[in-house]
Amino acid sequence: MRRALPPLLACTLALPAAAAEPRARDLGIPFDFGAPGRWNAVTDVPGVEVGHVTLIEADSVRTGVTAVLPRGKGESSRDQCFGGSRSRACSRGP
């Protein structure tokens, strides 16, 4: 009996490699708003907090959510700011 790849591995293999496309900065496109931080990540920005939760149920369900708190969890977190969402779904083929 043939076993299917675990869903997370299957999704990872289906995605293009991160290094396949050159980054804008590598192409010499100028950015007038500063240099990358220590880790070149959203968490380099002072006050920004990021959280992640993965839910696993049995062998067939794995889902998760990532939350970016642009103003952190303090008092200023009550201030309004622009928000958006993105969903990336991966399903197994036949």
C-alpha atoms as a PDB file:
ATOM      1  CA  MET A   1       0.000   0.000   0.000  1.00  0.00           C
ATOM      2  CA  ARG A   2       1.361   3.395  -1.005  1.00  0.00           C
ATOM      3  CA  ARG A   3       1.287   6.162   1.582  1.00  0.00           C
ATOM      4  CA  ALA A   4       0.521   9.745   0.637  1.00  0.00           C
ATOM      5  CA  LEU A   5       2.883  12.534   1.628  1.00  0.00           C
ATOM      6  CA  PRO A   6       1.898  14.351   4.816  1.00  0.00           C
ATOM      7  CA  PRO A   7      -0.179  17.427   3.852  1.00  0.00           C
ATOM      8  CA  LEU A   8       2.345  19.979   5.123  1.00  0.00           C
ATOM      9  CA  LEU A   9       5.173  18.354   3.183  1.00  0.00           C
ATOM     10  CA  ALA A  10       3.016  18.119   0.068  1.00  0.00           C
ATOM     11  CA  CYS A  11       2.173  21.835   0.299  1.00  0.00           C
ATOM     12  CA  THR A  12       5.809  22.742   0.840  1.00  0.00           C
ATOM     13  CA  LEU A  13       6.945  20.754  -2.173  1.00  0.00           C
ATOM     14  CA  ALA A  14       4.240  22.329  -4.343  1.00  0.00           C
ATOM     15  CA  LEU A  15       5.371  25.882  -3.567  1.00  0.00           C
ATOM     16  CA  PRO A  16       8.124  27.497  -5.628  1.00  0.00           C
ATOM     17  CA  ALA A  17      11.489  27.871  -3.966  1.00  0.00           C
ATOM     18  CA  ALA A  18      11.908  31.150  -2.111  1.00  0.00           C
ATOM     19  CA  ALA A  19      15.142  31.947  -3.937  1.00  0.00           C
ATOM     20  CA  ALA A  20      13.634  31.378  -7.405  1.00  0.00           C
ATOM     21  CA  GLU A  21      12.613  35.034  -7.824  1.00  0.00           C
ATOM     22  CA  PRO A  22      15.076  37.876  -7.194  1.00  0.00           C
ATOM     23  CA  ARG A  23      14.119  40.364  -4.501  1.00  0.00           C
ATOM     24  CA  ALA A  24      13.565  44.019  -5.438  1.00  0.00           C
ATOM     25  CA  ARG A  25      16.495  45.149  -3.275  1.00  0.00           C
ATOM     26  CA  ASP A  26      18.772  42.618  -5.041  1.00  0.00           C
ATOM     27  CA  LEU A  27      17.756  44.131  -8.400  1.00  0.00           C
ATOM     28  CA  GLY A  28      18.854  47.590  -7.264  1.00  0.00           C
ATOM     29  CA  ILE A  29      15.369  49.042  -6.840  1.00  0.00           C
ATOM     30  CA  PRO A  30      15.823  51.869  -4.312  1.00  0.00           C
ATOM     31  CA  PHE A  31      13.798  52.127  -1.124  1.00  0.00           C
ATOM     32  CA  ASP A  32      13.690  55.600   0.402  1.00  0.00           C
ATOM     33  CA  PHE A  33      12.322  54.518   3.775  1.00  0.00           C
ATOM     34  CA  GLY A  34      15.315  52.858   5.451  1.00  0.00           C
ATOM     35  CA  ALA A  35      17.504  49.812   5.540  1.00  0.00           C
ATOM     36  CA  PRO A  36      16.548  46.269   6.546  1.00  0.00           C
ATOM     37  CA  GLY A  37      16.677  45.442  10.251  1.00  0.00           C
ATOM     38  CA  ARG A  38      18.837  42.837  11.926  1.00  0.00           C
ATOM     39  CA  TRP A  39      16.642  39.918  10.806  1.00  0.00           C
ATOM     40  CA  ASN A  40      15.073  41.564   7.715  1.00  0.00           C
ATOM     41  CA  ALA A  41      11.672  40.703   9.174  1.00  0.00           C
ATOM     42  CA  VAL A  42       8.473  42.440  10.269  1.00  0.00           C
ATOM     43  CA  THR A  43       9.526  41.821  13.874  1.00  0.00           C
ATOM     44  CA  ASP A  44      12.467  44.215  13.369  1.00  0.00           C
ATOM     45  CA  VAL A  45       9.962  47.085  13.546  1.00  0.00           C
ATOM     46  CA  PRO A  46       9.722  48.471  17.101  1.00  0.00           C
ATOM     47  CA  GLY A  47       6.349  47.768  18.734  1.00  0.00           C
ATOM     48  CA  VAL A  48       5.218  45.096  16.257  1.00  0.00           C
ATOM     49  CA  GLU A  49       4.322  41.704  17.740  1.00  0.00           C
ATOM     50  CA  VAL A  50       3.641  38.482  15.849  1.00  0.00           C
ATOM     51  CA  GLY A  51       1.910  35.333  17.070  1.00  0.00           C
ATOM     52  CA  HIS A  52       1.183  31.969  15.478  1.00  0.00           C
ATOM     53  CA  VAL A  53      -0.974  28.982  16.404  1.00  0.00           C
ATOM     54  CA  THR A  54      -1.200  25.624  14.650  1.00  0.00           C
ATOM     55  CA  LEU A  55      -4.163  23.346  15.311  1.00  0.00           C
ATOM     56  CA  ILE A  56      -3.772  19.619  14.692  1.00  0.00           C
ATOM     57  CA  GLU A  57      -6.726  17.233  14.813  1.00  0.00           C
ATOM     58  CA  ALA A  58      -6.089  13.543  14.221  1.00  0.00           C
ATOM     59  CA  ASP A  59      -3.990  12.735  11.159  1.00  0.00           C
ATOM     60  CA  SER A  60      -5.913  14.703   8.555  1.00  0.00           C
ATOM     61  CA  VAL A  61      -6.471  18.241   9.832  1.00  0.00           C
ATOM     62  CA  ARG A  62      -3.727  20.834  10.196  1.00  0.00           C
ATOM     63  CA  THR A  63      -4.575  24.489  10.127  1.00  0.00           C
ATOM     64  CA  GLY A  64      -3.116  27.622  11.582  1.00  0.00           C
ATOM     65  CA  VAL A  65      -3.296  31.337  11.933  1.00  0.00           C
ATOM     66  CA  THR A  66      -0.690  34.073  12.170  1.00  0.00           C
ATOM     67  CA  ALA A  67      -1.549  37.388  13.807  1.00  0.00           C
ATOM     68  CA  VAL A  68       0.464  40.566  13.293  1.00  0.00           C
ATOM     69  CA  LEU A  69      -0.222  43.234  15.919  1.00  0.00           C
ATOM     70  CA  PRO A  70       1.172  46.416  14.320  1.00  0.00           C
ATOM     71  CA  ARG A  71       0.856  48.388  17.558  1.00  0.00           C
ATOM     72  CA  GLY A  72       1.663  45.545  19.955  1.00  0.00           C
ATOM     73  CA  LYS A  73      -0.545  44.570  22.897  1.00  0.00           C
ATOM     74  CA  GLY A  74      -0.262  47.845  24.838  1.00  0.00           C
ATOM     75  CA  GLU A  75      -2.627  50.785  25.170  1.00  0.00           C
ATOM     76  CA  SER A  76      -1.938  51.981  21.609  1.00  0.00           C
ATOM     77  CA  SER A  77      -3.285  48.637  20.305  1.00  0.00           C
ATOM     78  CA  ARG A  78      -6.763  50.198  20.600  1.00  0.00           C
ATOM     79  CA  ASP A  79      -5.910  52.799  17.934  1.00  0.00           C
ATOM     80  CA  GLN A  80      -7.337  52.069  14.501  1.00  0.00           C
ATOM     81  CA  CYS A  81      -5.039  51.089  11.652  1.00  0.00           C
ATOM     82  CA  PHE A  82      -5.385  49.635   8.167  1.00  0.00           C
ATOM     83  CA  GLY A  83      -5.657  45.852   8.080  1.00  0.00           C
ATOM     84  CA  GLY A  84      -5.832  43.124   5.504  1.00  0.00           C
ATOM     85  CA  SER A  85      -5.911  39.368   5.231  1.00  0.00           C
ATOM     86  CA  ARG A  86      -4.409  36.678   3.087  1.00  0.00           C
ATOM     87  CA  SER A  87      -5.337  33.071   2.712  1.00  0.00           C
ATOM     88  CA  ARG A  88      -3.195  30.390   1.134  1.00  0.00           C
ATOM     89  CA  ALA A  89      -5.007  27.113   0.746  1.00  0.00           C
ATOM     90  CA  CYS A  90      -3.347  23.872  -0.185  1.00  0.00           C
ATOM     91  CA  SER A  91      -5.317  20.783  -1.052  1.00  0.00           C
ATOM     92  CA  ARG A  92      -4.259  17.319  -1.972  1.00  0.00           C
ATOM     93  CA  GLY A  93      -4.698  16.190  -5.502  1.00  0.00           C
ATOM     94  CA  PRO A  94      -6.609  13.086  -6.540  1.00  0.00           C
END
